[in-house]
Amino acid sequence: MLNLITKLVLKPLAKAVYRPVIVGLEHVPRKGGVILASNHLSFIDSVVIPLTAPRQVHFLAKAEYFTGTGIKGAISRAFFTNVINAVPVERTDYRSAAASLEQALEILQSGKAFGIYPEGTRSLDGRLYKGKTGVAWLALTAGVPVVPVALEGPSEILPVGRRLPRIRQVTVRFGKPLHFDELHGQARSARARRQVTDEVMAAIHELSGQELADSYNELPKAA
């Protein structure tokens, strides 16, 4: 029921209020497993992509969003489960990170669309950071295409430290699918993973035009 409300009410309402500019919808396969790999500028990115994509997109989200109590907890669970189709994961160490990739792989192997941010965390300075190779592992293991996505404007809707979103226009660009058939099955090769990840990040950069940062984007020490 809530998924139907999202499709029939929330999507049209959000588009009417924010009037997003959406480019390249024809590049997103309408069926079959596919990875949507996007730059990451704001918490609200995981809302923007599902509301503008032509098919349901699944994301991973930290388990704390699903375990709250009371009304606030119920609203959080409903939002992450039905609006952004999120799957709860623990993100405490390497083992939990590996388990997250396995969950993402199951989503792809069931023929669904999966959204991922290769940078790992939000870019607070607007630059595009080096991609981590989880996106390549998924693409090479599942044998699915990667659609590069570039977001522009989400950080203006919900800047860091702000609780309520502002009305600002956002642009979403979906690029042509990247296929890595010649490398399928080489997910264990660090060289292959790096090659695929760099190609994905280059495609995102071409769409976004962001300044490149020659380093990984790490979480602040306080986090």
N, C-alpha and C. Protein backbone atom coordinates (compact mmCIF):
# COMPACT_ATOMS: atom_id res chain seq x y z
N MET A 1 0.82 -1.21 0.00
CA MET A 1 0.00 0.00 0.00
C MET A 1 0.86 1.27 0.00
N LEU A 2 1.88 1.27 0.89
CA LEU A 2 2.74 2.46 0.96
C LEU A 2 3.54 2.64 -0.33
N ASN A 3 3.95 1.51 -0.97
CA ASN A 3 4.66 1.62 -2.24
C ASN A 3 3.77 2.25 -3.30
N LEU A 4 2.48 1.92 -3.27
CA LEU A 4 1.54 2.48 -4.22
C LEU A 4 1.36 3.98 -3.96
N ILE A 5 1.31 4.37 -2.69
CA ILE A 5 1.20 5.78 -2.34
C ILE A 5 2.44 6.54 -2.83
N THR A 6 3.61 5.93 -2.65
CA THR A 6 4.85 6.57 -3.12
C THR A 6 4.80 6.80 -4.62
N LYS A 7 4.36 5.79 -5.36
CA LYS A 7 4.33 5.88 -6.81
C LYS A 7 3.29 6.86 -7.32
N LEU A 8 2.08 6.82 -6.72
CA LEU A 8 0.97 7.61 -7.24
C LEU A 8 0.87 9.01 -6.62
N VAL A 9 1.45 9.18 -5.41
CA VAL A 9 1.29 10.47 -4.73
C VAL A 9 2.63 11.19 -4.53
N LEU A 10 3.59 10.51 -3.87
CA LEU A 10 4.83 11.19 -3.51
C LEU A 10 5.66 11.59 -4.72
N LYS A 11 5.79 10.70 -5.70
CA LYS A 11 6.59 11.03 -6.87
C LYS A 11 6.01 12.23 -7.63
N PRO A 12 4.71 12.21 -7.98
CA PRO A 12 4.15 13.37 -8.68
C PRO A 12 4.20 14.65 -7.85
N LEU A 13 3.99 14.53 -6.52
CA LEU A 13 4.01 15.70 -5.65
C LEU A 13 5.41 16.30 -5.60
N ALA A 14 6.42 15.44 -5.42
CA ALA A 14 7.80 15.91 -5.36
C ALA A 14 8.20 16.59 -6.66
N LYS A 15 7.81 16.00 -7.77
CA LYS A 15 8.16 16.59 -9.07
C LYS A 15 7.45 17.92 -9.28
N ALA A 16 6.21 18.04 -8.78
CA ALA A 16 5.46 19.28 -8.92
C ALA A 16 6.07 20.40 -8.08
N VAL A 17 6.54 20.05 -6.89
CA VAL A 17 7.11 21.05 -5.98
C VAL A 17 8.52 21.46 -6.39
N TYR A 18 9.37 20.46 -6.67
CA TYR A 18 10.78 20.75 -6.92
C TYR A 18 11.13 20.89 -8.40
N ARG A 19 10.24 20.43 -9.27
CA ARG A 19 10.44 20.52 -10.72
C ARG A 19 11.86 20.13 -11.13
N PRO A 20 12.25 18.91 -10.83
CA PRO A 20 13.62 18.49 -11.16
C PRO A 20 13.86 18.42 -12.66
N VAL A 21 15.07 18.71 -13.04
CA VAL A 21 15.49 18.54 -14.44
C VAL A 21 16.06 17.13 -14.53
N ILE A 22 15.46 16.29 -15.34
CA ILE A 22 15.87 14.89 -15.46
C ILE A 22 16.33 14.64 -16.89
N VAL A 23 17.56 14.18 -17.01
CA VAL A 23 18.15 13.96 -18.33
C VAL A 23 18.59 12.49 -18.45
N GLY A 24 18.29 11.87 -19.58
CA GLY A 24 18.80 10.54 -19.87
C GLY A 24 18.02 9.38 -19.29
N LEU A 25 16.74 9.55 -19.04
CA LEU A 25 15.94 8.44 -18.51
C LEU A 25 15.99 7.22 -19.42
N GLU A 26 16.16 7.46 -20.71
CA GLU A 26 16.18 6.36 -21.67
C GLU A 26 17.39 5.43 -21.48
N HIS A 27 18.38 5.89 -20.73
CA HIS A 27 19.58 5.08 -20.51
C HIS A 27 19.41 4.04 -19.40
N VAL A 28 18.35 4.16 -18.61
CA VAL A 28 18.15 3.22 -17.50
C VAL A 28 17.34 2.02 -18.00
N PRO A 29 17.93 0.82 -18.00
CA PRO A 29 17.18 -0.37 -18.43
C PRO A 29 15.91 -0.54 -17.60
N ARG A 30 14.82 -0.87 -18.25
CA ARG A 30 13.55 -0.99 -17.54
C ARG A 30 13.39 -2.30 -16.80
N LYS A 31 14.25 -3.26 -17.08
CA LYS A 31 14.17 -4.54 -16.37
C LYS A 31 15.57 -5.15 -16.29
N GLY A 32 15.71 -6.09 -15.36
CA GLY A 32 16.99 -6.75 -15.17
C GLY A 32 17.87 -6.03 -14.17
N GLY A 33 18.82 -6.75 -13.60
CA GLY A 33 19.72 -6.16 -12.63
C GLY A 33 20.54 -5.03 -13.23
N VAL A 34 20.67 -3.94 -12.52
CA VAL A 34 21.46 -2.80 -12.97
C VAL A 34 21.91 -2.01 -11.75
N ILE A 35 23.12 -1.46 -11.85
CA ILE A 35 23.66 -0.62 -10.79
C ILE A 35 23.55 0.84 -11.22
N LEU A 36 22.99 1.68 -10.36
CA LEU A 36 23.00 3.12 -10.57
C LEU A 36 24.07 3.70 -9.65
N ALA A 37 25.18 4.12 -10.24
CA ALA A 37 26.32 4.63 -9.48
C ALA A 37 26.36 6.14 -9.56
N SER A 38 26.21 6.79 -8.42
CA SER A 38 26.04 8.25 -8.40
C SER A 38 27.09 8.96 -7.57
N ASN A 39 27.31 10.24 -7.91
CA ASN A 39 28.05 11.10 -6.99
C ASN A 39 27.20 11.31 -5.74
N HIS A 40 27.80 11.83 -4.69
CA HIS A 40 27.09 11.88 -3.40
C HIS A 40 27.33 13.24 -2.75
N LEU A 41 26.27 14.06 -2.71
CA LEU A 41 26.38 15.43 -2.21
C LEU A 41 25.56 15.70 -0.96
N SER A 42 24.53 14.89 -0.72
CA SER A 42 23.62 15.18 0.39
C SER A 42 22.92 13.91 0.84
N PHE A 43 22.46 13.91 2.09
CA PHE A 43 21.66 12.80 2.60
C PHE A 43 20.44 12.58 1.71
N ILE A 44 19.94 13.65 1.12
CA ILE A 44 18.71 13.57 0.34
C ILE A 44 18.91 12.94 -1.03
N ASP A 45 20.15 12.64 -1.40
CA ASP A 45 20.42 11.97 -2.68
C ASP A 45 19.63 10.67 -2.79
N SER A 46 19.53 9.95 -1.69
CA SER A 46 18.84 8.65 -1.70
C SER A 46 17.33 8.80 -1.77
N VAL A 47 16.85 10.03 -1.73
CA VAL A 47 15.44 10.32 -1.97
C VAL A 47 15.27 10.78 -3.41
N VAL A 48 16.19 11.61 -3.86
CA VAL A 48 16.10 12.18 -5.21
C VAL A 48 16.15 11.08 -6.28
N ILE A 49 17.09 10.15 -6.16
CA ILE A 49 17.24 9.13 -7.19
C ILE A 49 16.00 8.24 -7.30
N PRO A 50 15.49 7.66 -6.20
CA PRO A 50 14.27 6.84 -6.33
C PRO A 50 13.07 7.61 -6.86
N LEU A 51 12.97 8.89 -6.54
CA LEU A 51 11.81 9.66 -6.98
C LEU A 51 11.91 10.12 -8.43
N THR A 52 13.10 10.05 -9.01
CA THR A 52 13.26 10.50 -10.40
C THR A 52 13.58 9.36 -11.36
N ALA A 53 14.04 8.24 -10.86
CA ALA A 53 14.37 7.10 -11.72
C ALA A 53 13.11 6.49 -12.31
N PRO A 54 13.21 5.86 -13.49
CA PRO A 54 12.03 5.27 -14.15
C PRO A 54 11.65 3.90 -13.60
N ARG A 55 12.38 3.42 -12.59
CA ARG A 55 12.05 2.13 -11.98
C ARG A 55 12.45 2.17 -10.51
N GLN A 56 12.00 1.20 -9.77
CA GLN A 56 12.30 1.14 -8.34
C GLN A 56 13.80 0.89 -8.14
N VAL A 57 14.40 1.69 -7.26
CA VAL A 57 15.83 1.58 -6.98
C VAL A 57 16.01 1.28 -5.49
N HIS A 58 16.84 0.29 -5.19
CA HIS A 58 17.10 -0.11 -3.81
C HIS A 58 18.44 0.43 -3.34
N PHE A 59 18.49 0.87 -2.09
CA PHE A 59 19.72 1.35 -1.47
C PHE A 59 19.96 0.58 -0.17
N LEU A 60 21.19 0.62 0.30
CA LEU A 60 21.50 0.13 1.64
C LEU A 60 21.46 1.31 2.60
N ALA A 61 21.00 1.08 3.80
CA ALA A 61 20.94 2.14 4.81
C ALA A 61 21.31 1.54 6.17
N LYS A 62 21.94 2.33 7.01
CA LYS A 62 22.38 1.80 8.30
C LYS A 62 21.19 1.32 9.12
N ALA A 63 21.41 0.25 9.84
CA ALA A 63 20.35 -0.44 10.56
C ALA A 63 19.63 0.44 11.57
N GLU A 64 20.32 1.45 12.10
CA GLU A 64 19.72 2.32 13.11
C GLU A 64 18.44 3.01 12.62
N TYR A 65 18.35 3.20 11.30
CA TYR A 65 17.16 3.85 10.75
C TYR A 65 15.92 2.97 10.87
N PHE A 66 16.11 1.67 11.13
CA PHE A 66 14.99 0.74 11.16
C PHE A 66 14.66 0.26 12.56
N THR A 67 15.42 0.67 13.54
CA THR A 67 15.28 0.10 14.88
C THR A 67 14.76 1.09 15.92
N GLY A 68 14.39 2.29 15.49
CA GLY A 68 13.89 3.29 16.43
C GLY A 68 12.56 2.88 17.03
N THR A 69 12.22 3.49 18.14
CA THR A 69 10.95 3.18 18.82
C THR A 69 9.99 4.36 18.73
N GLY A 70 8.74 4.09 19.07
CA GLY A 70 7.73 5.14 19.09
C GLY A 70 7.34 5.60 17.71
N ILE A 71 6.68 6.76 17.66
CA ILE A 71 6.20 7.30 16.39
C ILE A 71 7.35 7.65 15.46
N LYS A 72 8.40 8.26 16.04
CA LYS A 72 9.55 8.64 15.22
C LYS A 72 10.19 7.42 14.58
N GLY A 73 10.31 6.33 15.33
CA GLY A 73 10.88 5.10 14.79
C GLY A 73 10.02 4.51 13.70
N ALA A 74 8.70 4.55 13.90
CA ALA A 74 7.78 4.00 12.90
C ALA A 74 7.84 4.80 11.61
N ILE A 75 7.92 6.12 11.72
CA ILE A 75 8.00 6.97 10.54
C ILE A 75 9.31 6.70 9.79
N SER A 76 10.40 6.57 10.56
CA SER A 76 11.70 6.30 9.95
C SER A 76 11.67 4.98 9.18
N ARG A 77 11.14 3.93 9.79
CA ARG A 77 11.07 2.62 9.13
C ARG A 77 10.23 2.69 7.86
N ALA A 78 9.08 3.35 7.95
CA ALA A 78 8.19 3.45 6.79
C ALA A 78 8.86 4.21 5.66
N PHE A 79 9.58 5.29 6.02
CA PHE A 79 10.24 6.11 5.01
C PHE A 79 11.34 5.32 4.30
N PHE A 80 12.23 4.70 5.08
CA PHE A 80 13.35 4.00 4.47
C PHE A 80 12.93 2.72 3.75
N THR A 81 11.86 2.09 4.22
CA THR A 81 11.40 0.85 3.60
C THR A 81 10.59 1.11 2.34
N ASN A 82 9.72 2.10 2.37
CA ASN A 82 8.75 2.27 1.29
C ASN A 82 9.03 3.43 0.35
N VAL A 83 9.75 4.44 0.82
CA VAL A 83 10.02 5.59 -0.05
C VAL A 83 11.32 5.39 -0.81
N ILE A 84 12.38 4.98 -0.11
CA ILE A 84 13.65 4.82 -0.82
C ILE A 84 14.07 3.35 -0.92
N ASN A 85 13.15 2.44 -0.59
CA ASN A 85 13.39 1.01 -0.79
C ASN A 85 14.73 0.56 -0.21
N ALA A 86 15.01 1.01 0.98
CA ALA A 86 16.31 0.72 1.60
C ALA A 86 16.33 -0.64 2.29
N VAL A 87 17.52 -1.21 2.32
CA VAL A 87 17.75 -2.49 3.00
C VAL A 87 18.66 -2.21 4.19
N PRO A 88 18.26 -2.61 5.40
CA PRO A 88 19.08 -2.31 6.58
C PRO A 88 20.37 -3.12 6.62
N VAL A 89 21.48 -2.45 6.97
CA VAL A 89 22.77 -3.13 7.09
C VAL A 89 23.53 -2.57 8.29
N GLU A 90 24.39 -3.39 8.83
CA GLU A 90 25.32 -2.95 9.87
C GLU A 90 26.59 -2.47 9.18
N ARG A 91 27.12 -1.32 9.60
CA ARG A 91 28.31 -0.79 8.94
C ARG A 91 29.37 -0.45 9.99
N THR A 92 29.80 -1.48 10.71
CA THR A 92 30.73 -1.23 11.81
C THR A 92 32.16 -1.64 11.50
N ASP A 93 32.36 -2.64 10.64
CA ASP A 93 33.71 -3.09 10.36
C ASP A 93 33.77 -3.73 8.98
N TYR A 94 34.93 -4.31 8.66
CA TYR A 94 35.12 -4.91 7.34
C TYR A 94 34.13 -6.04 7.10
N ARG A 95 33.89 -6.85 8.13
CA ARG A 95 32.99 -7.99 7.96
C ARG A 95 31.58 -7.53 7.63
N SER A 96 31.11 -6.47 8.28
CA SER A 96 29.77 -5.97 7.99
C SER A 96 29.72 -5.32 6.61
N ALA A 97 30.83 -4.70 6.19
CA ALA A 97 30.88 -4.11 4.86
C ALA A 97 30.77 -5.20 3.79
N ALA A 98 31.46 -6.33 4.02
CA ALA A 98 31.38 -7.45 3.09
C ALA A 98 29.96 -8.01 3.04
N ALA A 99 29.31 -8.07 4.19
CA ALA A 99 27.93 -8.55 4.24
C ALA A 99 27.00 -7.62 3.47
N SER A 100 27.30 -6.32 3.52
CA SER A 100 26.50 -5.33 2.79
C SER A 100 26.58 -5.59 1.29
N LEU A 101 27.78 -5.87 0.80
CA LEU A 101 27.95 -6.17 -0.61
C LEU A 101 27.21 -7.43 -1.00
N GLU A 102 27.20 -8.41 -0.12
CA GLU A 102 26.46 -9.64 -0.41
C GLU A 102 24.96 -9.37 -0.52
N GLN A 103 24.45 -8.49 0.34
CA GLN A 103 23.03 -8.12 0.26
C GLN A 103 22.74 -7.39 -1.04
N ALA A 104 23.65 -6.51 -1.43
CA ALA A 104 23.48 -5.79 -2.70
C ALA A 104 23.51 -6.77 -3.87
N LEU A 105 24.38 -7.76 -3.78
CA LEU A 105 24.48 -8.76 -4.85
C LEU A 105 23.17 -9.52 -4.99
N GLU A 106 22.54 -9.87 -3.87
CA GLU A 106 21.26 -10.57 -3.92
C GLU A 106 20.19 -9.72 -4.61
N ILE A 107 20.22 -8.42 -4.34
CA ILE A 107 19.27 -7.51 -4.99
C ILE A 107 19.46 -7.53 -6.50
N LEU A 108 20.70 -7.45 -6.95
CA LEU A 108 21.01 -7.44 -8.38
C LEU A 108 20.66 -8.77 -9.03
N GLN A 109 20.98 -9.85 -8.36
CA GLN A 109 20.72 -11.17 -8.93
C GLN A 109 19.24 -11.49 -9.02
N SER A 110 18.43 -10.76 -8.27
CA SER A 110 16.98 -10.94 -8.36
C SER A 110 16.36 -10.05 -9.44
N GLY A 111 17.25 -9.37 -10.20
CA GLY A 111 16.77 -8.57 -11.33
C GLY A 111 16.33 -7.16 -10.99
N LYS A 112 16.78 -6.65 -9.85
CA LYS A 112 16.37 -5.32 -9.41
C LYS A 112 17.48 -4.29 -9.66
N ALA A 113 17.11 -3.02 -9.48
CA ALA A 113 18.07 -1.92 -9.62
C ALA A 113 18.62 -1.57 -8.25
N PHE A 114 19.93 -1.36 -8.19
CA PHE A 114 20.58 -1.06 -6.92
C PHE A 114 21.36 0.24 -7.06
N GLY A 115 21.18 1.15 -6.09
CA GLY A 115 21.89 2.42 -6.10
C GLY A 115 23.09 2.40 -5.17
N ILE A 116 24.19 2.99 -5.61
CA ILE A 116 25.41 2.98 -4.80
C ILE A 116 26.17 4.29 -5.03
N TYR A 117 26.90 4.71 -4.00
CA TYR A 117 27.76 5.89 -4.09
C TYR A 117 29.21 5.42 -3.99
N PRO A 118 29.91 5.30 -5.10
CA PRO A 118 31.28 4.78 -5.06
C PRO A 118 32.23 5.60 -4.17
N GLU A 119 31.93 6.89 -3.96
CA GLU A 119 32.78 7.70 -3.09
C GLU A 119 32.71 7.24 -1.64
N GLY A 120 31.64 6.56 -1.29
CA GLY A 120 31.49 6.02 0.05
C GLY A 120 30.73 6.91 1.00
N THR A 121 31.00 8.19 0.99
CA THR A 121 30.31 9.12 1.86
C THR A 121 30.15 10.46 1.14
N ARG A 122 29.36 11.34 1.71
CA ARG A 122 29.06 12.61 1.04
C ARG A 122 30.28 13.50 0.87
N SER A 123 30.30 14.19 -0.26
CA SER A 123 31.35 15.17 -0.50
C SER A 123 30.91 16.50 0.11
N LEU A 124 31.62 16.95 1.14
CA LEU A 124 31.24 18.19 1.81
C LEU A 124 31.78 19.42 1.11
N ASP A 125 32.76 19.24 0.23
CA ASP A 125 33.33 20.40 -0.47
C ASP A 125 32.92 20.46 -1.94
N GLY A 126 32.05 19.53 -2.38
CA GLY A 126 31.55 19.56 -3.74
C GLY A 126 32.44 18.89 -4.77
N ARG A 127 33.65 18.45 -4.37
CA ARG A 127 34.53 17.78 -5.31
C ARG A 127 34.13 16.31 -5.47
N LEU A 128 34.58 15.70 -6.55
CA LEU A 128 34.31 14.29 -6.81
C LEU A 128 35.54 13.50 -6.39
N TYR A 129 35.37 12.62 -5.41
CA TYR A 129 36.50 11.87 -4.86
C TYR A 129 36.67 10.53 -5.58
N LYS A 130 37.80 9.89 -5.34
CA LYS A 130 38.08 8.59 -5.94
C LYS A 130 37.04 7.57 -5.51
N GLY A 131 36.71 6.67 -6.41
CA GLY A 131 35.72 5.66 -6.10
C GLY A 131 36.33 4.44 -5.43
N LYS A 132 35.59 3.88 -4.50
CA LYS A 132 35.99 2.62 -3.87
C LYS A 132 35.47 1.48 -4.73
N THR A 133 36.15 0.34 -4.66
CA THR A 133 35.94 -0.69 -5.67
C THR A 133 34.75 -1.63 -5.43
N GLY A 134 33.93 -1.34 -4.44
CA GLY A 134 32.74 -2.18 -4.21
C GLY A 134 31.82 -2.20 -5.42
N VAL A 135 31.70 -1.06 -6.10
CA VAL A 135 30.84 -0.99 -7.28
C VAL A 135 31.34 -1.93 -8.36
N ALA A 136 32.67 -2.03 -8.51
CA ALA A 136 33.24 -2.93 -9.51
C ALA A 136 33.03 -4.38 -9.14
N TRP A 137 33.20 -4.70 -7.85
CA TRP A 137 32.98 -6.08 -7.40
C TRP A 137 31.57 -6.52 -7.72
N LEU A 138 30.61 -5.64 -7.47
CA LEU A 138 29.21 -5.97 -7.75
C LEU A 138 28.97 -6.16 -9.24
N ALA A 139 29.48 -5.24 -10.04
CA ALA A 139 29.25 -5.31 -11.49
C ALA A 139 29.87 -6.56 -12.09
N LEU A 140 31.09 -6.89 -11.66
CA LEU A 140 31.79 -8.04 -12.23
C LEU A 140 31.25 -9.36 -11.70
N THR A 141 30.77 -9.38 -10.47
CA THR A 141 30.23 -10.61 -9.91
C THR A 141 28.83 -10.89 -10.43
N ALA A 142 28.00 -9.86 -10.47
CA ALA A 142 26.61 -10.03 -10.93
C ALA A 142 26.50 -10.03 -12.44
N GLY A 143 27.50 -9.47 -13.13
CA GLY A 143 27.44 -9.39 -14.59
C GLY A 143 26.36 -8.45 -15.08
N VAL A 144 26.23 -7.30 -14.39
CA VAL A 144 25.18 -6.33 -14.75
C VAL A 144 25.83 -5.02 -15.20
N PRO A 145 25.09 -4.21 -15.98
CA PRO A 145 25.62 -2.92 -16.40
C PRO A 145 25.59 -1.90 -15.27
N VAL A 146 26.39 -0.86 -15.44
CA VAL A 146 26.42 0.25 -14.48
C VAL A 146 25.97 1.51 -15.19
N VAL A 147 24.94 2.15 -14.67
CA VAL A 147 24.48 3.42 -15.21
C VAL A 147 25.06 4.54 -14.34
N PRO A 148 25.94 5.40 -14.89
CA PRO A 148 26.46 6.52 -14.11
C PRO A 148 25.38 7.57 -13.89
N VAL A 149 25.36 8.16 -12.72
CA VAL A 149 24.36 9.18 -12.37
C VAL A 149 25.07 10.39 -11.79
N ALA A 150 24.66 11.57 -12.22
CA ALA A 150 25.22 12.80 -11.67
C ALA A 150 24.09 13.66 -11.10
N LEU A 151 24.24 14.02 -9.84
CA LEU A 151 23.26 14.87 -9.17
C LEU A 151 23.84 16.28 -9.03
N GLU A 152 22.99 17.25 -9.21
CA GLU A 152 23.38 18.65 -9.03
C GLU A 152 22.26 19.37 -8.27
N GLY A 153 22.58 19.92 -7.11
CA GLY A 153 21.60 20.68 -6.35
C GLY A 153 21.08 20.09 -5.06
N PRO A 154 21.23 18.77 -4.80
CA PRO A 154 20.70 18.22 -3.55
C PRO A 154 21.26 18.89 -2.30
N SER A 155 22.51 19.30 -2.33
CA SER A 155 23.09 19.94 -1.15
C SER A 155 22.47 21.29 -0.86
N GLU A 156 21.81 21.87 -1.86
CA GLU A 156 21.09 23.14 -1.65
C GLU A 156 19.72 22.88 -1.03
N ILE A 157 19.17 21.71 -1.29
CA ILE A 157 17.87 21.35 -0.70
C ILE A 157 18.02 21.04 0.78
N LEU A 158 19.04 20.25 1.10
CA LEU A 158 19.25 19.85 2.49
C LEU A 158 20.73 19.97 2.84
N PRO A 159 21.19 21.21 3.13
CA PRO A 159 22.60 21.39 3.51
C PRO A 159 22.91 20.67 4.81
N VAL A 160 24.18 20.38 5.02
CA VAL A 160 24.61 19.73 6.26
C VAL A 160 24.20 20.58 7.45
N GLY A 161 23.56 19.94 8.44
CA GLY A 161 23.14 20.64 9.64
C GLY A 161 21.71 21.13 9.61
N ARG A 162 21.07 21.06 8.44
CA ARG A 162 19.68 21.51 8.33
C ARG A 162 18.74 20.31 8.41
N ARG A 163 17.65 20.43 9.17
CA ARG A 163 16.73 19.32 9.34
C ARG A 163 15.62 19.29 8.30
N LEU A 164 15.11 20.45 7.94
CA LEU A 164 13.99 20.51 7.00
C LEU A 164 14.48 20.93 5.62
N PRO A 165 14.01 20.25 4.57
CA PRO A 165 14.47 20.57 3.22
C PRO A 165 13.93 21.92 2.73
N ARG A 166 14.73 22.57 1.89
CA ARG A 166 14.31 23.80 1.24
C ARG A 166 13.85 23.47 -0.18
N ILE A 167 13.09 24.37 -0.76
CA ILE A 167 12.66 24.17 -2.15
C ILE A 167 13.72 24.75 -3.07
N ARG A 168 14.47 23.87 -3.70
CA ARG A 168 15.50 24.24 -4.66
C ARG A 168 15.43 23.24 -5.81
N GLN A 169 15.76 23.69 -6.99
CA GLN A 169 15.71 22.78 -8.14
C GLN A 169 16.92 21.85 -8.14
N VAL A 170 16.69 20.64 -8.54
CA VAL A 170 17.77 19.65 -8.62
C VAL A 170 17.82 19.09 -10.04
N THR A 171 19.02 18.76 -10.47
CA THR A 171 19.21 18.15 -11.79
C THR A 171 19.76 16.74 -11.62
N VAL A 172 19.16 15.80 -12.34
CA VAL A 172 19.60 14.41 -12.30
C VAL A 172 19.93 13.98 -13.72
N ARG A 173 21.16 13.55 -13.93
CA ARG A 173 21.59 13.09 -15.25
C ARG A 173 21.94 11.60 -15.20
N PHE A 174 21.25 10.82 -16.02
CA PHE A 174 21.54 9.39 -16.14
C PHE A 174 22.36 9.19 -17.41
N GLY A 175 23.53 8.58 -17.27
CA GLY A 175 24.40 8.36 -18.43
C GLY A 175 24.15 7.02 -19.11
N LYS A 176 24.83 6.81 -20.20
CA LYS A 176 24.70 5.56 -20.94
C LYS A 176 25.26 4.40 -20.10
N PRO A 177 24.62 3.25 -20.17
CA PRO A 177 25.08 2.10 -19.38
C PRO A 177 26.50 1.69 -19.76
N LEU A 178 27.28 1.34 -18.76
CA LEU A 178 28.63 0.83 -18.98
C LEU A 178 28.59 -0.68 -18.83
N HIS A 179 29.13 -1.38 -19.81
CA HIS A 179 29.14 -2.83 -19.78
C HIS A 179 30.58 -3.33 -19.65
N PHE A 180 30.77 -4.34 -18.84
CA PHE A 180 32.11 -4.86 -18.60
C PHE A 180 32.15 -6.38 -18.84
N ASP A 181 31.51 -6.78 -19.94
CA ASP A 181 31.40 -8.21 -20.23
C ASP A 181 32.76 -8.89 -20.33
N GLU A 182 33.75 -8.16 -20.88
CA GLU A 182 35.06 -8.78 -21.08
C GLU A 182 35.78 -9.06 -19.76
N LEU A 183 35.31 -8.43 -18.67
CA LEU A 183 35.94 -8.62 -17.36
C LEU A 183 35.05 -9.42 -16.40
N HIS A 184 33.92 -9.88 -16.90
CA HIS A 184 33.00 -10.62 -16.02
C HIS A 184 33.70 -11.84 -15.43
N GLY A 185 33.55 -12.03 -14.13
CA GLY A 185 34.19 -13.13 -13.46
C GLY A 185 35.55 -12.81 -12.89
N GLN A 186 36.02 -11.57 -13.10
CA GLN A 186 37.33 -11.18 -12.60
C GLN A 186 37.24 -10.28 -11.36
N ALA A 187 36.17 -10.48 -10.59
CA ALA A 187 35.96 -9.63 -9.42
C ALA A 187 37.06 -9.75 -8.38
N ARG A 188 37.79 -10.87 -8.39
CA ARG A 188 38.87 -11.05 -7.41
C ARG A 188 40.15 -10.31 -7.82
N SER A 189 40.20 -9.84 -9.03
CA SER A 189 41.38 -9.14 -9.52
C SER A 189 41.34 -7.68 -9.09
N ALA A 190 42.31 -7.26 -8.29
CA ALA A 190 42.36 -5.86 -7.84
C ALA A 190 42.51 -4.93 -9.03
N ARG A 191 43.29 -5.36 -10.03
CA ARG A 191 43.48 -4.52 -11.22
C ARG A 191 42.17 -4.33 -11.98
N ALA A 192 41.41 -5.41 -12.14
CA ALA A 192 40.13 -5.32 -12.85
C ALA A 192 39.16 -4.44 -12.08
N ARG A 193 39.11 -4.60 -10.75
CA ARG A 193 38.20 -3.78 -9.95
C ARG A 193 38.57 -2.30 -10.05
N ARG A 194 39.86 -2.01 -10.03
CA ARG A 194 40.30 -0.62 -10.12
C ARG A 194 39.97 -0.04 -11.49
N GLN A 195 40.16 -0.84 -12.53
CA GLN A 195 39.87 -0.38 -13.89
C GLN A 195 38.40 -0.04 -14.05
N VAL A 196 37.54 -0.94 -13.58
CA VAL A 196 36.10 -0.71 -13.70
C VAL A 196 35.67 0.50 -12.88
N THR A 197 36.16 0.60 -11.66
CA THR A 197 35.79 1.71 -10.79
C THR A 197 36.22 3.04 -11.40
N ASP A 198 37.42 3.09 -11.95
CA ASP A 198 37.90 4.33 -12.56
C ASP A 198 37.06 4.72 -13.78
N GLU A 199 36.62 3.73 -14.55
CA GLU A 199 35.76 4.01 -15.70
C GLU A 199 34.41 4.56 -15.24
N VAL A 200 33.88 3.99 -14.18
CA VAL A 200 32.60 4.47 -13.64
C VAL A 200 32.74 5.90 -13.14
N MET A 201 33.81 6.19 -12.40
CA MET A 201 34.01 7.54 -11.87
C MET A 201 34.25 8.54 -12.98
N ALA A 202 34.94 8.12 -14.05
CA ALA A 202 35.17 9.01 -15.18
C ALA A 202 33.85 9.37 -15.85
N ALA A 203 32.94 8.39 -15.94
CA ALA A 203 31.63 8.65 -16.54
C ALA A 203 30.80 9.58 -15.67
N ILE A 204 30.87 9.40 -14.35
CA ILE A 204 30.16 10.30 -13.44
C ILE A 204 30.72 11.71 -13.57
N HIS A 205 32.04 11.82 -13.65
CA HIS A 205 32.69 13.13 -13.78
C HIS A 205 32.28 13.82 -15.07
N GLU A 206 32.18 13.07 -16.15
CA GLU A 206 31.77 13.65 -17.43
C GLU A 206 30.36 14.24 -17.34
N LEU A 207 29.50 13.58 -16.56
CA LEU A 207 28.12 14.05 -16.40
C LEU A 207 28.02 15.23 -15.43
N SER A 208 28.83 15.20 -14.37
CA SER A 208 28.69 16.19 -13.30
C SER A 208 29.55 17.43 -13.49
N GLY A 209 30.72 17.26 -14.12
CA GLY A 209 31.63 18.38 -14.29
C GLY A 209 32.27 18.85 -12.99
N GLN A 210 32.22 18.03 -11.94
CA GLN A 210 32.79 18.43 -10.65
C GLN A 210 34.31 18.47 -10.72
N GLU A 211 34.89 19.27 -9.84
CA GLU A 211 36.33 19.27 -9.68
C GLU A 211 36.73 17.92 -9.08
N LEU A 212 37.82 17.36 -9.58
CA LEU A 212 38.27 16.07 -9.10
C LEU A 212 39.18 16.21 -7.89
N ALA A 213 39.01 15.31 -6.94
CA ALA A 213 39.91 15.23 -5.78
C ALA A 213 40.73 13.97 -5.93
N ASP A 214 42.02 14.07 -5.87
CA ASP A 214 42.89 12.93 -6.08
C ASP A 214 43.12 12.15 -4.77
N SER A 215 42.01 11.80 -4.14
CA SER A 215 42.08 11.06 -2.88
C SER A 215 40.71 10.45 -2.59
N TYR A 216 40.68 9.58 -1.57
CA TYR A 216 39.41 9.01 -1.14
C TYR A 216 38.74 9.98 -0.17
N ASN A 217 37.42 9.94 -0.14
CA ASN A 217 36.66 10.77 0.78
C ASN A 217 36.39 9.96 2.04
N GLU A 218 36.99 10.37 3.14
CA GLU A 218 36.84 9.61 4.37
C GLU A 218 35.88 10.29 5.32
N LEU A 219 35.23 9.51 6.18
CA LEU A 219 34.35 10.07 7.19
C LEU A 219 35.15 10.94 8.17
N PRO A 220 34.57 12.04 8.63
CA PRO A 220 35.26 12.85 9.65
C PRO A 220 35.59 12.01 10.87
N LYS A 221 36.68 12.32 11.54
CA LYS A 221 37.11 11.53 12.69
C LYS A 221 36.03 11.47 13.77
N ALA A 222 35.26 12.53 13.90
CA ALA A 222 34.22 12.57 14.94
C ALA A 222 33.13 11.56 14.67
N ALA A 223 32.98 11.14 13.38
CA ALA A 223 31.95 10.16 13.03
C ALA A 223 32.39 8.76 13.37
